Amino acid sequence: MTNQLALLLGFAIVTALTIDAYSYDWDNTLFLSRKLLELIEWLKFWR
């Protein structure tokens, strides 16, 4: 991964979080975080 690509990806993530915070009051981030935790718990079964 090049530095330019890493900066672009970081900027995109920060922008998405900022839009979510101001427009949707963290609803999307909270939903995705909960689903990620469920996925991690489900994957623990396969360990």
PDB file of N, CA and C in Angstrom:
ATOM      1  N   MET A   1       0.855  -1.165   0.000  1.00  0.00           N
ATOM      2  CA  MET A   1       0.000   0.000   0.000  1.00  0.00           C
ATOM      3  C   MET A   1       0.903   1.231   0.000  1.00  0.00           C
ATOM      4  N   THR A   2       0.630   2.111  -0.903  1.00  0.00           N
ATOM      5  CA  THR A   2       1.433   3.324  -0.988  1.00  0.00           C
ATOM      6  C   THR A   2       0.937   4.356   0.026  1.00  0.00           C
ATOM      7  N   ASN A   3       1.759   5.341   0.287  1.00  0.00           N
ATOM      8  CA  ASN A   3       1.375   6.402   1.222  1.00  0.00           C
ATOM      9  C   ASN A   3       0.169   7.177   0.710  1.00  0.00           C
ATOM     10  N   GLN A   4       0.121   7.406  -0.581  1.00  0.00           N
ATOM     11  CA  GLN A   4      -0.994   8.158  -1.160  1.00  0.00           C
ATOM     12  C   GLN A   4      -2.310   7.391  -0.981  1.00  0.00           C
ATOM     13  N   LEU A   5      -2.266   6.091  -1.204  1.00  0.00           N
ATOM     14  CA  LEU A   5      -3.464   5.275  -1.033  1.00  0.00           C
ATOM     15  C   LEU A   5      -3.886   5.208   0.431  1.00  0.00           C
ATOM     16  N   ALA A   6      -2.925   5.105   1.338  1.00  0.00           N
ATOM     17  CA  ALA A   6      -3.231   5.072   2.768  1.00  0.00           C
ATOM     18  C   ALA A   6      -3.874   6.383   3.223  1.00  0.00           C
ATOM     19  N   LEU A   7      -3.360   7.491   2.756  1.00  0.00           N
ATOM     20  CA  LEU A   7      -3.946   8.790   3.110  1.00  0.00           C
ATOM     21  C   LEU A   7      -5.354   8.938   2.539  1.00  0.00           C
ATOM     22  N   LEU A   8      -5.557   8.488   1.321  1.00  0.00           N
ATOM     23  CA  LEU A   8      -6.875   8.557   0.706  1.00  0.00           C
ATOM     24  C   LEU A   8      -7.881   7.704   1.474  1.00  0.00           C
ATOM     25  N   LEU A   9      -7.475   6.500   1.844  1.00  0.00           N
ATOM     26  CA  LEU A   9      -8.349   5.621   2.612  1.00  0.00           C
ATOM     27  C   LEU A   9      -8.648   6.208   3.987  1.00  0.00           C
ATOM     28  N   GLY A  10      -7.640   6.736   4.653  1.00  0.00           N
ATOM     29  CA  GLY A  10      -7.846   7.379   5.949  1.00  0.00           C
ATOM     30  C   GLY A  10      -8.780   8.573   5.856  1.00  0.00           C
ATOM     31  N   PHE A  11      -8.607   9.380   4.817  1.00  0.00           N
ATOM     32  CA  PHE A  11      -9.478  10.539   4.610  1.00  0.00           C
ATOM     33  C   PHE A  11     -10.919  10.097   4.357  1.00  0.00           C
ATOM     34  N   ALA A  12     -11.105   9.023   3.591  1.00  0.00           N
ATOM     35  CA  ALA A  12     -12.451   8.527   3.307  1.00  0.00           C
ATOM     36  C   ALA A  12     -13.128   8.028   4.582  1.00  0.00           C
ATOM     37  N   ILE A  13     -12.376   7.345   5.443  1.00  0.00           N
ATOM     38  CA  ILE A  13     -12.949   6.845   6.691  1.00  0.00           C
ATOM     39  C   ILE A  13     -13.322   7.988   7.623  1.00  0.00           C
ATOM     40  N   VAL A  14     -12.442   8.956   7.754  1.00  0.00           N
ATOM     41  CA  VAL A  14     -12.729  10.113   8.611  1.00  0.00           C
ATOM     42  C   VAL A  14     -13.926  10.893   8.074  1.00  0.00           C
ATOM     43  N   THR A  15     -14.002  11.044   6.769  1.00  0.00           N
ATOM     44  CA  THR A  15     -15.130  11.752   6.162  1.00  0.00           C
ATOM     45  C   THR A  15     -16.442  11.014   6.418  1.00  0.00           C
ATOM     46  N   ALA A  16     -16.441   9.692   6.255  1.00  0.00           N
ATOM     47  CA  ALA A  16     -17.652   8.909   6.498  1.00  0.00           C
ATOM     48  C   ALA A  16     -18.090   9.008   7.953  1.00  0.00           C
ATOM     49  N   LEU A  17     -17.140   8.948   8.888  1.00  0.00           N
ATOM     50  CA  LEU A  17     -17.487   9.077  10.305  1.00  0.00           C
ATOM     51  C   LEU A  17     -18.017  10.472  10.638  1.00  0.00           C
ATOM     52  N   THR A  18     -17.440  11.483  10.024  1.00  0.00           N
ATOM     53  CA  THR A  18     -17.895  12.861  10.256  1.00  0.00           C
ATOM     54  C   THR A  18     -19.313  13.058   9.738  1.00  0.00           C
ATOM     55  N   ILE A  19     -19.590  12.554   8.542  1.00  0.00           N
ATOM     56  CA  ILE A  19     -20.943  12.668   7.983  1.00  0.00           C
ATOM     57  C   ILE A  19     -21.940  11.920   8.859  1.00  0.00           C
ATOM     58  N   ASP A  20     -21.555  10.743   9.322  1.00  0.00           N
ATOM     59  CA  ASP A  20     -22.439   9.961  10.179  1.00  0.00           C
ATOM     60  C   ASP A  20     -22.703  10.688  11.499  1.00  0.00           C
ATOM     61  N   ALA A  21     -21.693  11.308  12.051  1.00  0.00           N
ATOM     62  CA  ALA A  21     -21.855  12.005  13.329  1.00  0.00           C
ATOM     63  C   ALA A  21     -22.791  13.201  13.201  1.00  0.00           C
ATOM     64  N   TYR A  22     -22.626  13.973  12.161  1.00  0.00           N
ATOM     65  CA  TYR A  22     -23.427  15.187  12.031  1.00  0.00           C
ATOM     66  C   TYR A  22     -24.811  14.948  11.437  1.00  0.00           C
ATOM     67  N   SER A  23     -24.934  14.001  10.529  1.00  0.00           N
ATOM     68  CA  SER A  23     -26.210  13.804   9.847  1.00  0.00           C
ATOM     69  C   SER A  23     -27.098  12.763  10.513  1.00  0.00           C
ATOM     70  N   TYR A  24     -26.496  11.697  11.001  1.00  0.00           N
ATOM     71  CA  TYR A  24     -27.295  10.576  11.483  1.00  0.00           C
ATOM     72  C   TYR A  24     -27.115  10.282  12.963  1.00  0.00           C
ATOM     73  N   ASP A  25     -26.396  11.120  13.675  1.00  0.00           N
ATOM     74  CA  ASP A  25     -26.214  10.987  15.122  1.00  0.00           C
ATOM     75  C   ASP A  25     -25.630   9.625  15.501  1.00  0.00           C
ATOM     76  N   TRP A  26     -24.625   9.180  14.765  1.00  0.00           N
ATOM     77  CA  TRP A  26     -23.875   7.947  14.998  1.00  0.00           C
ATOM     78  C   TRP A  26     -24.691   6.678  14.820  1.00  0.00           C
ATOM     79  N   ASP A  27     -25.858   6.733  14.230  1.00  0.00           N
ATOM     80  CA  ASP A  27     -26.694   5.539  14.088  1.00  0.00           C
ATOM     81  C   ASP A  27     -26.021   4.475  13.222  1.00  0.00           C
ATOM     82  N   ASN A  28     -25.468   4.864  12.093  1.00  0.00           N
ATOM     83  CA  ASN A  28     -24.857   3.883  11.186  1.00  0.00           C
ATOM     84  C   ASN A  28     -23.605   3.264  11.791  1.00  0.00           C
ATOM     85  N   THR A  29     -22.786   4.075  12.429  1.00  0.00           N
ATOM     86  CA  THR A  29     -21.564   3.553  13.035  1.00  0.00           C
ATOM     87  C   THR A  29     -21.894   2.602  14.174  1.00  0.00           C
ATOM     88  N   LEU A  30     -22.872   2.938  14.965  1.00  0.00           N
ATOM     89  CA  LEU A  30     -23.282   2.067  16.063  1.00  0.00           C
ATOM     90  C   LEU A  30     -23.831   0.748  15.531  1.00  0.00           C
ATOM     91  N   PHE A  31     -24.644   0.802  14.485  1.00  0.00           N
ATOM     92  CA  PHE A  31     -25.186  -0.416  13.884  1.00  0.00           C
ATOM     93  C   PHE A  31     -24.074  -1.316  13.356  1.00  0.00           C
ATOM     94  N   LEU A  32     -23.135  -0.731  12.617  1.00  0.00           N
ATOM     95  CA  LEU A  32     -22.040  -1.525  12.059  1.00  0.00           C
ATOM     96  C   LEU A  32     -21.129  -2.080  13.151  1.00  0.00           C
ATOM     97  N   SER A  33     -20.933  -1.330  14.209  1.00  0.00           N
ATOM     98  CA  SER A  33     -20.112  -1.818  15.327  1.00  0.00           C
ATOM     99  C   SER A  33     -20.762  -3.015  16.001  1.00  0.00           C
ATOM    100  N   ARG A  34     -22.058  -2.941  16.202  1.00  0.00           N
ATOM    101  CA  ARG A  34     -22.766  -4.069  16.820  1.00  0.00           C
ATOM    102  C   ARG A  34     -22.720  -5.303  15.930  1.00  0.00           C
ATOM    103  N   LYS A  35     -22.899  -5.113  14.635  1.00  0.00           N
ATOM    104  CA  LYS A  35     -22.850  -6.247  13.715  1.00  0.00           C
ATOM    105  C   LYS A  35     -21.442  -6.838  13.653  1.00  0.00           C
ATOM    106  N   LEU A  36     -20.427  -6.008  13.728  1.00  0.00           N
ATOM    107  CA  LEU A  36     -19.059  -6.502  13.731  1.00  0.00           C
ATOM    108  C   LEU A  36     -18.793  -7.326  14.987  1.00  0.00           C
ATOM    109  N   LEU A  37     -19.290  -6.882  16.133  1.00  0.00           N
ATOM    110  CA  LEU A  37     -19.134  -7.649  17.366  1.00  0.00           C
ATOM    111  C   LEU A  37     -19.856  -8.988  17.290  1.00  0.00           C
ATOM    112  N   GLU A  38     -21.042  -9.011  16.672  1.00  0.00           N
ATOM    113  CA  GLU A  38     -21.754 -10.271  16.476  1.00  0.00           C
ATOM    114  C   GLU A  38     -20.964 -11.204  15.573  1.00  0.00           C
ATOM    115  N   LEU A  39     -20.372 -10.672  14.525  1.00  0.00           N
ATOM    116  CA  LEU A  39     -19.569 -11.484  13.619  1.00  0.00           C
ATOM    117  C   LEU A  39     -18.345 -12.057  14.326  1.00  0.00           C
ATOM    118  N   ILE A  40     -17.697 -11.256  15.148  1.00  0.00           N
ATOM    119  CA  ILE A  40     -16.529 -11.726  15.892  1.00  0.00           C
ATOM    120  C   ILE A  40     -16.939 -12.839  16.857  1.00  0.00           C
ATOM    121  N   GLU A  41     -18.062 -12.678  17.535  1.00  0.00           N
ATOM    122  CA  GLU A  41     -18.530 -13.708  18.433  1.00  0.00           C
ATOM    123  C   GLU A  41     -18.854 -14.990  17.669  1.00  0.00           C
ATOM    124  N   TRP A  42     -19.446 -14.877  16.502  1.00  0.00           N
ATOM    125  CA  TRP A  42     -19.769 -16.038  15.687  1.00  0.00           C
ATOM    126  C   TRP A  42     -18.511 -16.721  15.190  1.00  0.00           C
ATOM    127  N   LEU A  43     -17.513 -15.956  14.828  1.00  0.00           N
ATOM    128  CA  LEU A  43     -16.260 -16.531  14.328  1.00  0.00           C
ATOM    129  C   LEU A  43     -15.467 -17.215  15.425  1.00  0.00           C
ATOM    130  N   LYS A  44     -15.668 -16.832  16.681  1.00  0.00           N
ATOM    131  CA  LYS A  44     -14.975 -17.486  17.792  1.00  0.00           C
ATOM    132  C   LYS A  44     -15.318 -18.964  17.842  1.00  0.00           C
ATOM    133  N   PHE A  45     -16.503 -19.309  17.405  1.00  0.00           N
ATOM    134  CA  PHE A  45     -16.948 -20.691  17.387  1.00  0.00           C
ATOM    135  C   PHE A  45     -16.006 -21.547  16.534  1.00  0.00           C
ATOM    136  N   TRP A  46     -15.476 -21.006  15.476  1.00  0.00           N
ATOM    137  CA  TRP A  46     -14.667 -21.767  14.537  1.00  0.00           C
ATOM    138  C   TRP A  46     -13.208 -21.885  14.979  1.00  0.00           C
ATOM    139  N   ARG A  47     -12.851 -21.253  16.049  1.00  0.00           N
ATOM    140  CA  ARG A  47     -11.457 -21.296  16.504  1.00  0.00           C
ATOM    141  C   ARG A  47     -11.086 -22.572  17.166  1.00  0.00           C
TER     142      ARG A  47
END
